[in-house]
Amino acid sequence: MDRRLSLSQLDLLKELGTIGAGRAATAMADLIGRKVEISVPQATLIPLENISGLLGGIEQRFFVLDMGMAGDVNGRIFLLFLPEEAKNLASGLLGKPAEEVDLEDEMFKSSLRETANIICGSFIGALAELTNMNIFTTVPSLALDMVGAILDFIFIQIAQYSEEALYIKTDLKVSNMKFNGLFLFFPHTESLLNIFQALGVSEDK
């Protein structure tokens, strides 16, 4: 699908990201007892073939958190962090220096999964509330993989039902420590159309 979104649709995507980020920041702050800020400087729909440009070289590694969606909206969500960004995030969540964070430690992995639950859950919660749709998510899986393997998985598993993804760049700040991640939302093409229809957003340019 070669989709050129209307201005109202682009505004909607940014609004969904912003609402979800605000809820996620509040939830994370309540969880760890620290000030958390999450901003959404960019939200847009991109073709699958352009995702490689967001991730860099094929040997670059990312922590990938993968959640499935079912109900009135079907698809998958990916939250990606570079290893160093993931260590910075865990540092804020676990209350220890980033250099002491062990990438193999179960507490570290648990903190990333909880972050995925909060960020992705907040976005899906905002989407469900605004559309009055029932949307369910699976428990997030976690893996450390190279870009090449991530892209292979996306094209094999995702391309069969979606030719594009909602890309949301997230800038996170815990106390005074800044880091960022990539949020990729792959709705079934029909689900995306249903979302716009439920919100009464015109496809007119």
Foldseek 3Di string as FASTA:
>chain_A
DPADFDPLVLVVQQVLLAQLQVQLQVVLCVVQVFHKHKHWPDKDKFFLVCVCVVQDDQQFKWKWKKKFKDFLWGFIKIKIFRPLLLLLQVCLRVVHDSVPDDPPDPSSVVSVQVSCCSSVVSSVVSLCVLLVTDMDMDRIDIDMHGNNVVSVCCCVPQVVFFRIWIWTKMWMATHHDIHIIIMTTRIGPVSVVSSCVSNVHDRDD
